Amino acid sequence: MESKAAPLGTAFFFAIIQAMLKIDVISVQPKMFEGFLTESIVARAVKKGACEVNIVDLREFGEGRWRKVDDSPYGGGPGMLMKCGPWFAAVESRIGEGVRAPGTRVVMTSPAGRKFTQRDAESLAAAEHVIFMCGHYEGFDARIETLATDLFSVGDFVMTGGELAAAAMVDATVRLLPGVLGGGPAATASESFGRDGLLEAPQYTKPPEFRGMKVPEVLLSGDHSKIEAWRKSEARRLTEKERPDLLR
């Protein structure tokens, strides 16, 4: 099953002109992405022509009458492993056989992968084509890993499938594409996990006081230099308190 792809839009700029990012997500549970594609920031990005997202049903490449994509592991053990044949066929249907294009990334969701970060999202956003391989059951036959350029995990825990992890990575990547968020480059310039490595400073909106809790006076002062200094100080304070590991 494939989502409708947006028509090619106007080229956007990173440091150089970048064309539309093509994203393929290969999954044995393709319906899990239906709401994600129609109700989220990803839907806006597709509509704007910043990216194209295709959801590929792995079972279309399954083997035999029942479109089998898994089998019992050699050596015994619980659960089922995803088979090589369907995965090689599915990935090669998107990139062809042999040497992949330089701008193509193939991402496998895996507990053994390195933890996905904002830097990784930025790197994927600069690619031309990204394929996400969603694991399921007890995982992949180890030979399938040879298809991947990257193994990513979204945390030190195990889920029943890689669909939610892939959706999180797609969202983190797509929101960085030029023109997707309102406010231009400034919208992502000072977020948590930015280039300074800190969490974002606390933010407030109206009313200036709610149930005895007041907005810091400096934010109401109109003095932009003081506000910027306060934000930098608060970003470091919050990071030291909540995520001291980031400072290391």
C-alpha atoms as a PDB file:
ATOM      1  CA  MET A   1       0.000   0.000   0.000  1.00  0.00           C
ATOM      2  CA  GLU A   2       1.370   3.415  -0.904  1.00  0.00           C
ATOM      3  CA  SER A   3       0.210   6.831   0.195  1.00  0.00           C
ATOM      4  CA  LYS A   4      -0.478   9.336  -2.557  1.00  0.00           C
ATOM      5  CA  ALA A   5       2.737  11.158  -3.319  1.00  0.00           C
ATOM      6  CA  ALA A   6       2.735  14.910  -3.543  1.00  0.00           C
ATOM      7  CA  PRO A   7       3.800  16.430  -6.879  1.00  0.00           C
ATOM      8  CA  LEU A   8       7.343  17.744  -7.119  1.00  0.00           C
ATOM      9  CA  GLY A   9       7.432  21.200  -5.550  1.00  0.00           C
ATOM     10  CA  THR A  10       9.793  24.151  -5.623  1.00  0.00           C
ATOM     11  CA  ALA A  11      13.358  23.343  -4.590  1.00  0.00           C
ATOM     12  CA  PHE A  12      14.296  24.334  -1.064  1.00  0.00           C
ATOM     13  CA  PHE A  13      17.565  25.444   0.458  1.00  0.00           C
ATOM     14  CA  PHE A  14      19.818  24.000   3.139  1.00  0.00           C
ATOM     15  CA  ALA A  15      23.321  25.191   2.387  1.00  0.00           C
ATOM     16  CA  ILE A  16      22.569  24.293  -1.234  1.00  0.00           C
ATOM     17  CA  ILE A  17      19.379  23.684  -3.180  1.00  0.00           C
ATOM     18  CA  GLN A  18      17.708  20.470  -2.036  1.00  0.00           C
ATOM     19  CA  ALA A  19      15.007  18.643  -3.943  1.00  0.00           C
ATOM     20  CA  MET A  20      12.045  16.878  -2.403  1.00  0.00           C
ATOM     21  CA  LEU A  21      13.002  14.239   0.154  1.00  0.00           C
ATOM     22  CA  LYS A  22      11.632  10.810  -0.712  1.00  0.00           C
ATOM     23  CA  ILE A  23      10.743   8.576   2.229  1.00  0.00           C
ATOM     24  CA  ASP A  24       9.750   4.904   2.040  1.00  0.00           C
ATOM     25  CA  VAL A  25       8.577   3.057   5.151  1.00  0.00           C
ATOM     26  CA  ILE A  26       8.481  -0.728   4.835  1.00  0.00           C
ATOM     27  CA  SER A  27       6.311  -2.475   7.406  1.00  0.00           C
ATOM     28  CA  VAL A  28       4.269  -5.594   8.037  1.00  0.00           C
ATOM     29  CA  GLN A  29       1.700  -3.313   9.746  1.00  0.00           C
ATOM     30  CA  PRO A  30       1.158  -0.523   7.166  1.00  0.00           C
ATOM     31  CA  LYS A  31      -2.201   0.596   8.571  1.00  0.00           C
ATOM     32  CA  MET A  32      -0.439   1.878  11.684  1.00  0.00           C
ATOM     33  CA  PHE A  33       0.706   4.882   9.641  1.00  0.00           C
ATOM     34  CA  GLU A  34      -2.673   6.009   8.268  1.00  0.00           C
ATOM     35  CA  GLY A  35      -3.468   8.626  10.915  1.00  0.00           C
ATOM     36  CA  PHE A  36       0.149   9.669  11.166  1.00  0.00           C
ATOM     37  CA  LEU A  37       0.226  10.579   7.477  1.00  0.00           C
ATOM     38  CA  THR A  38      -3.100  12.412   7.348  1.00  0.00           C
ATOM     39  CA  GLU A  39      -3.215  14.315  10.658  1.00  0.00           C
ATOM     40  CA  SER A  40       0.340  15.344  11.478  1.00  0.00           C
ATOM     41  CA  ILE A  41       3.115  17.693  10.447  1.00  0.00           C
ATOM     42  CA  VAL A  42       4.084  15.021   7.926  1.00  0.00           C
ATOM     43  CA  ALA A  43       0.800  15.602   6.093  1.00  0.00           C
ATOM     44  CA  ARG A  44       1.636  19.317   5.880  1.00  0.00           C
ATOM     45  CA  ALA A  45       5.099  18.554   4.531  1.00  0.00           C
ATOM     46  CA  VAL A  46       3.684  16.286   1.821  1.00  0.00           C
ATOM     47  CA  LYS A  47       1.079  18.889   0.889  1.00  0.00           C
ATOM     48  CA  LYS A  48       3.768  21.575   0.616  1.00  0.00           C
ATOM     49  CA  GLY A  49       5.858  19.344  -1.637  1.00  0.00           C
ATOM     50  CA  ALA A  50       8.763  19.159   0.829  1.00  0.00           C
ATOM     51  CA  CYS A  51       8.667  15.370   0.895  1.00  0.00           C
ATOM     52  CA  GLU A  52       7.004  12.296  -0.522  1.00  0.00           C
ATOM     53  CA  VAL A  53       6.080   9.446   1.846  1.00  0.00           C
ATOM     54  CA  ASN A  54       5.305   5.942   0.644  1.00  0.00           C
ATOM     55  CA  ILE A  55       4.146   3.167   2.990  1.00  0.00           C
ATOM     56  CA  VAL A  56       5.131  -0.228   1.630  1.00  0.00           C
ATOM     57  CA  ASP A  57       3.436  -3.434   2.814  1.00  0.00           C
ATOM     58  CA  LEU A  58       6.138  -6.050   3.361  1.00  0.00           C
ATOM     59  CA  ARG A  59       3.601  -8.810   2.786  1.00  0.00           C
ATOM     60  CA  GLU A  60       3.421  -7.833  -0.873  1.00  0.00           C
ATOM     61  CA  PHE A  61       6.872  -9.430  -1.056  1.00  0.00           C
ATOM     62  CA  GLY A  62       6.013 -12.412   1.151  1.00  0.00           C
ATOM     63  CA  GLU A  63       6.736 -15.953   0.041  1.00  0.00           C
ATOM     64  CA  GLY A  64       4.290 -18.624  -1.036  1.00  0.00           C
ATOM     65  CA  ARG A  65       0.517 -18.747  -0.992  1.00  0.00           C
ATOM     66  CA  TRP A  66       0.275 -17.116   2.440  1.00  0.00           C
ATOM     67  CA  ARG A  67       2.789 -14.327   1.755  1.00  0.00           C
ATOM     68  CA  LYS A  68       5.039 -15.563   4.541  1.00  0.00           C
ATOM     69  CA  VAL A  69       7.558 -13.050   5.913  1.00  0.00           C
ATOM     70  CA  ASP A  70       8.777 -14.882   9.031  1.00  0.00           C
ATOM     71  CA  ASP A  71       9.978 -18.300  10.180  1.00  0.00           C
ATOM     72  CA  SER A  72      11.326 -20.067  13.271  1.00  0.00           C
ATOM     73  CA  PRO A  73      14.966 -19.380  14.211  1.00  0.00           C
ATOM     74  CA  TYR A  74      17.742 -21.893  13.611  1.00  0.00           C
ATOM     75  CA  GLY A  75      19.034 -23.303  16.880  1.00  0.00           C
ATOM     76  CA  GLY A  76      15.632 -22.954  18.540  1.00  0.00           C
ATOM     77  CA  GLY A  77      14.255 -20.263  20.761  1.00  0.00           C
ATOM     78  CA  PRO A  78      10.971 -18.402  21.192  1.00  0.00           C
ATOM     79  CA  GLY A  79       9.241 -16.304  18.574  1.00  0.00           C
ATOM     80  CA  MET A  80       9.702 -15.897  14.834  1.00  0.00           C
ATOM     81  CA  LEU A  81      12.337 -14.096  12.797  1.00  0.00           C
ATOM     82  CA  MET A  82      11.752 -12.000   9.685  1.00  0.00           C
ATOM     83  CA  LYS A  83      13.008 -13.758   6.555  1.00  0.00           C
ATOM     84  CA  CYS A  84      15.690 -12.491   4.186  1.00  0.00           C
ATOM     85  CA  GLY A  85      13.788 -12.961   0.925  1.00  0.00           C
ATOM     86  CA  PRO A  86      10.887 -10.562   1.532  1.00  0.00           C
ATOM     87  CA  TRP A  87      13.148  -7.849   2.948  1.00  0.00           C
ATOM     88  CA  PHE A  88      15.708  -7.948   0.176  1.00  0.00           C
ATOM     89  CA  ALA A  89      12.916  -7.881  -2.406  1.00  0.00           C
ATOM     90  CA  ALA A  90      11.125  -4.987  -0.682  1.00  0.00           C
ATOM     91  CA  VAL A  91      14.211  -2.780  -0.270  1.00  0.00           C
ATOM     92  CA  GLU A  92      15.488  -3.536  -3.765  1.00  0.00           C
ATOM     93  CA  SER A  93      12.077  -2.601  -5.164  1.00  0.00           C
ATOM     94  CA  ARG A  94      12.754   0.922  -3.869  1.00  0.00           C
ATOM     95  CA  ILE A  95      16.438   1.331  -4.742  1.00  0.00           C
ATOM     96  CA  GLY A  96      17.208  -1.401  -7.273  1.00  0.00           C
ATOM     97  CA  GLU A  97      19.825  -4.133  -6.946  1.00  0.00           C
ATOM     98  CA  GLY A  98      23.516  -3.462  -6.567  1.00  0.00           C
ATOM     99  CA  VAL A  99      25.089  -0.178  -5.461  1.00  0.00           C
ATOM    100  CA  ARG A 100      22.648   2.256  -3.841  1.00  0.00           C
ATOM    101  CA  ALA A 101      22.655   5.921  -4.823  1.00  0.00           C
ATOM    102  CA  PRO A 102      24.981   8.136  -2.674  1.00  0.00           C
ATOM    103  CA  GLY A 103      22.059  10.187  -1.345  1.00  0.00           C
ATOM    104  CA  THR A 104      20.114   7.132  -0.156  1.00  0.00           C
ATOM    105  CA  ARG A 105      19.953   6.042   3.495  1.00  0.00           C
ATOM    106  CA  VAL A 106      18.434   2.735   4.599  1.00  0.00           C
ATOM    107  CA  VAL A 107      17.473   2.836   8.284  1.00  0.00           C
ATOM    108  CA  MET A 108      16.798  -0.335  10.266  1.00  0.00           C
ATOM    109  CA  THR A 109      14.973  -0.022  13.599  1.00  0.00           C
ATOM    110  CA  SER A 110      16.855  -2.142  16.124  1.00  0.00           C
ATOM    111  CA  PRO A 111      17.504  -2.301  19.897  1.00  0.00           C
ATOM    112  CA  ALA A 112      21.142  -2.822  18.896  1.00  0.00           C
ATOM    113  CA  GLY A 113      21.236   0.458  16.988  1.00  0.00           C
ATOM    114  CA  ARG A 114      22.738   3.668  18.263  1.00  0.00           C
ATOM    115  CA  LYS A 115      20.320   6.043  19.940  1.00  0.00           C
ATOM    116  CA  PHE A 116      18.645   8.366  17.432  1.00  0.00           C
ATOM    117  CA  THR A 117      19.453  12.030  18.093  1.00  0.00           C
ATOM    118  CA  GLN A 118      18.717  15.478  16.692  1.00  0.00           C
ATOM    119  CA  ARG A 119      21.996  15.293  14.753  1.00  0.00           C
ATOM    120  CA  ASP A 120      20.747  12.129  13.068  1.00  0.00           C
ATOM    121  CA  ALA A 121      17.453  13.819  12.183  1.00  0.00           C
ATOM    122  CA  GLU A 122      19.398  16.679  10.600  1.00  0.00           C
ATOM    123  CA  SER A 123      21.506  14.210   8.639  1.00  0.00           C
ATOM    124  CA  LEU A 124      18.476  12.329   7.306  1.00  0.00           C
ATOM    125  CA  ALA A 125      16.763  15.608   6.390  1.00  0.00           C
ATOM    126  CA  ALA A 126      19.720  16.399   4.135  1.00  0.00           C
ATOM    127  CA  ALA A 127      19.453  13.070   2.274  1.00  0.00           C
ATOM    128  CA  GLU A 128      17.658  12.540  -1.030  1.00  0.00           C
ATOM    129  CA  HIS A 129      15.976   9.233  -0.206  1.00  0.00           C
ATOM    130  CA  VAL A 130      15.447   7.532   3.163  1.00  0.00           C
ATOM    131  CA  ILE A 131      14.047   4.020   3.607  1.00  0.00           C
ATOM    132  CA  PHE A 132      12.879   2.889   7.041  1.00  0.00           C
ATOM    133  CA  MET A 133      12.821  -0.845   7.767  1.00  0.00           C
ATOM    134  CA  CYS A 134      10.375  -1.634  10.585  1.00  0.00           C
ATOM    135  CA  GLY A 135      11.271  -4.730  12.544  1.00  0.00           C
ATOM    136  CA  HIS A 136       8.654  -7.076  13.999  1.00  0.00           C
ATOM    137  CA  TYR A 137       8.292 -10.423  15.791  1.00  0.00           C
ATOM    138  CA  GLU A 138      11.629 -11.432  17.376  1.00  0.00           C
ATOM    139  CA  GLY A 139      13.551  -9.274  14.919  1.00  0.00           C
ATOM    140  CA  PHE A 140      15.453  -9.669  11.654  1.00  0.00           C
ATOM    141  CA  ASP A 141      17.498 -12.519  10.265  1.00  0.00           C
ATOM    142  CA  ALA A 142      21.004 -11.111  10.841  1.00  0.00           C
ATOM    143  CA  ARG A 143      21.759 -11.123   7.106  1.00  0.00           C
ATOM    144  CA  ILE A 144      19.081  -8.483   6.486  1.00  0.00           C
ATOM    145  CA  GLU A 145      21.284  -5.965   8.300  1.00  0.00           C
ATOM    146  CA  THR A 146      23.552  -5.860   5.237  1.00  0.00           C
ATOM    147  CA  LEU A 147      20.838  -3.801   3.517  1.00  0.00           C
ATOM    148  CA  ALA A 148      21.042  -1.008   6.087  1.00  0.00           C
ATOM    149  CA  THR A 149      23.242   2.061   6.155  1.00  0.00           C
ATOM    150  CA  ASP A 150      22.106   2.930   9.701  1.00  0.00           C
ATOM    151  CA  LEU A 151      20.778   1.049  12.730  1.00  0.00           C
ATOM    152  CA  PHE A 152      18.803   3.288  15.088  1.00  0.00           C
ATOM    153  CA  SER A 153      17.034   2.846  18.411  1.00  0.00           C
ATOM    154  CA  VAL A 154      14.747   5.421  20.032  1.00  0.00           C
ATOM    155  CA  GLY A 155      15.526   4.272  23.570  1.00  0.00           C
ATOM    156  CA  ASP A 156      16.692   1.465  25.814  1.00  0.00           C
ATOM    157  CA  PHE A 157      13.451  -0.482  25.754  1.00  0.00           C
ATOM    158  CA  VAL A 158      11.826  -3.063  23.484  1.00  0.00           C
ATOM    159  CA  MET A 159       8.604  -2.604  21.515  1.00  0.00           C
ATOM    160  CA  THR A 160       6.585  -5.177  19.577  1.00  0.00           C
ATOM    161  CA  GLY A 161       7.519  -3.569  16.275  1.00  0.00           C
ATOM    162  CA  GLY A 162       9.538  -0.778  14.730  1.00  0.00           C
ATOM    163  CA  GLU A 163       6.568   1.184  13.395  1.00  0.00           C
ATOM    164  CA  LEU A 164       6.327   3.683  16.261  1.00  0.00           C
ATOM    165  CA  ALA A 165      10.091   4.191  16.240  1.00  0.00           C
ATOM    166  CA  ALA A 166      10.060   4.790  12.485  1.00  0.00           C
ATOM    167  CA  ALA A 167       7.155   7.226  12.808  1.00  0.00           C
ATOM    168  CA  ALA A 168       9.063   9.183  15.470  1.00  0.00           C
ATOM    169  CA  MET A 169      12.157   9.382  13.280  1.00  0.00           C
ATOM    170  CA  VAL A 170      10.145  10.399  10.217  1.00  0.00           C
ATOM    171  CA  ASP A 171       8.485  13.196  12.197  1.00  0.00           C
ATOM    172  CA  ALA A 172      11.806  14.422  13.653  1.00  0.00           C
ATOM    173  CA  THR A 173      13.306  14.452  10.160  1.00  0.00           C
ATOM    174  CA  VAL A 174      10.451  15.960   8.164  1.00  0.00           C
ATOM    175  CA  ARG A 175       9.868  18.909  10.520  1.00  0.00           C
ATOM    176  CA  LEU A 176      13.418  20.080   9.714  1.00  0.00           C
ATOM    177  CA  LEU A 177      12.772  20.385   5.989  1.00  0.00           C
ATOM    178  CA  PRO A 178      12.680  24.016   4.839  1.00  0.00           C
ATOM    179  CA  GLY A 179       9.185  25.459   4.618  1.00  0.00           C
ATOM    180  CA  VAL A 180       7.483  22.799   6.748  1.00  0.00           C
ATOM    181  CA  LEU A 181       7.247  24.701  10.043  1.00  0.00           C
ATOM    182  CA  GLY A 182       5.993  28.245  10.251  1.00  0.00           C
ATOM    183  CA  GLY A 183       8.583  30.840  11.187  1.00  0.00           C
ATOM    184  CA  GLY A 184      11.337  29.723   8.831  1.00  0.00           C
ATOM    185  CA  PRO A 185      14.767  28.584  10.095  1.00  0.00           C
ATOM    186  CA  ALA A 186      14.216  30.389  13.413  1.00  0.00           C
ATOM    187  CA  ALA A 187      11.529  27.817  14.285  1.00  0.00           C
ATOM    188  CA  THR A 188      14.170  25.134  14.856  1.00  0.00           C
ATOM    189  CA  ALA A 189      17.233  27.271  15.614  1.00  0.00           C
ATOM    190  CA  SER A 190      17.005  27.287  19.422  1.00  0.00           C
ATOM    191  CA  GLU A 191      15.182  24.079  20.285  1.00  0.00           C
ATOM    192  CA  SER A 192      16.162  21.420  22.771  1.00  0.00           C
ATOM    193  CA  PHE A 193      19.135  19.325  21.617  1.00  0.00           C
ATOM    194  CA  GLY A 194      20.274  22.151  19.330  1.00  0.00           C
ATOM    195  CA  ARG A 195      23.875  22.843  18.395  1.00  0.00           C
ATOM    196  CA  ASP A 196      24.654  24.038  21.932  1.00  0.00           C
ATOM    197  CA  GLY A 197      23.520  20.653  23.260  1.00  0.00           C
ATOM    198  CA  LEU A 198      21.170  22.157  25.851  1.00  0.00           C
ATOM    199  CA  LEU A 199      17.488  21.795  26.581  1.00  0.00           C
ATOM    200  CA  GLU A 200      15.318  24.727  25.565  1.00  0.00           C
ATOM    201  CA  ALA A 201      14.620  27.373  28.214  1.00  0.00           C
ATOM    202  CA  PRO A 202      11.126  27.452  29.790  1.00  0.00           C
ATOM    203  CA  GLN A 203       8.530  29.383  27.788  1.00  0.00           C
ATOM    204  CA  TYR A 204       5.339  31.207  28.758  1.00  0.00           C
ATOM    205  CA  THR A 205       2.271  32.780  27.165  1.00  0.00           C
ATOM    206  CA  LYS A 206      -0.767  34.747  28.370  1.00  0.00           C
ATOM    207  CA  PRO A 207      -1.973  35.343  31.049  1.00  0.00           C
ATOM    208  CA  PRO A 208       0.974  36.907  32.907  1.00  0.00           C
ATOM    209  CA  GLU A 209      -0.269  35.279  36.131  1.00  0.00           C
ATOM    210  CA  PHE A 210      -2.176  32.003  36.541  1.00  0.00           C
ATOM    211  CA  ARG A 211      -3.169  30.574  39.942  1.00  0.00           C
ATOM    212  CA  GLY A 212      -0.421  32.541  41.635  1.00  0.00           C
ATOM    213  CA  MET A 213       2.246  31.493  39.148  1.00  0.00           C
ATOM    214  CA  LYS A 214       3.817  34.499  37.427  1.00  0.00           C
ATOM    215  CA  VAL A 215       5.687  34.851  34.177  1.00  0.00           C
ATOM    216  CA  PRO A 216       9.300  35.905  34.905  1.00  0.00           C
ATOM    217  CA  GLU A 217       9.576  39.698  34.887  1.00  0.00           C
ATOM    218  CA  VAL A 218      12.405  39.709  32.365  1.00  0.00           C
ATOM    219  CA  LEU A 219      10.146  38.222  29.684  1.00  0.00           C
ATOM    220  CA  LEU A 220       7.740  41.134  30.104  1.00  0.00           C
ATOM    221  CA  SER A 221      10.489  43.775  30.035  1.00  0.00           C
ATOM    222  CA  GLY A 222      10.869  44.137  26.288  1.00  0.00           C
ATOM    223  CA  ASP A 223      14.658  44.174  26.727  1.00  0.00           C
ATOM    224  CA  HIS A 224      15.756  41.615  24.146  1.00  0.00           C
ATOM    225  CA  SER A 225      19.371  41.408  25.292  1.00  0.00           C
ATOM    226  CA  LYS A 226      18.286  40.626  28.861  1.00  0.00           C
ATOM    227  CA  ILE A 227      15.707  38.124  27.590  1.00  0.00           C
ATOM    228  CA  GLU A 228      18.336  36.332  25.506  1.00  0.00           C
ATOM    229  CA  ALA A 229      20.748  36.205  28.462  1.00  0.00           C
ATOM    230  CA  TRP A 230      17.972  34.837  30.698  1.00  0.00           C
ATOM    231  CA  ARG A 231      17.076  32.151  28.162  1.00  0.00           C
ATOM    232  CA  LYS A 232      20.680  31.002  27.880  1.00  0.00           C
ATOM    233  CA  SER A 233      21.031  30.884  31.655  1.00  0.00           C
ATOM    234  CA  GLU A 234      17.745  29.006  32.092  1.00  0.00           C
ATOM    235  CA  ALA A 235      18.604  26.548  29.331  1.00  0.00           C
ATOM    236  CA  ARG A 236      21.787  25.595  31.141  1.00  0.00           C
ATOM    237  CA  ARG A 237      20.069  25.458  34.545  1.00  0.00           C
ATOM    238  CA  LEU A 238      17.320  23.195  33.199  1.00  0.00           C
ATOM    239  CA  THR A 239      19.825  20.939  31.451  1.00  0.00           C
ATOM    240  CA  GLU A 240      21.932  20.611  34.613  1.00  0.00           C
ATOM    241  CA  LYS A 241      18.806  19.676  36.557  1.00  0.00           C
ATOM    242  CA  GLU A 242      16.996  17.336  34.154  1.00  0.00           C
ATOM    243  CA  ARG A 243      19.627  16.034  31.724  1.00  0.00           C
ATOM    244  CA  PRO A 244      23.125  16.441  33.153  1.00  0.00           C
ATOM    245  CA  ASP A 245      24.247  13.683  30.776  1.00  0.00           C
ATOM    246  CA  LEU A 246      23.939  16.164  27.911  1.00  0.00           C
ATOM    247  CA  LEU A 247      26.584  18.397  29.487  1.00  0.00           C
ATOM    248  CA  ARG A 248      29.032  15.502  29.578  1.00  0.00           C
END
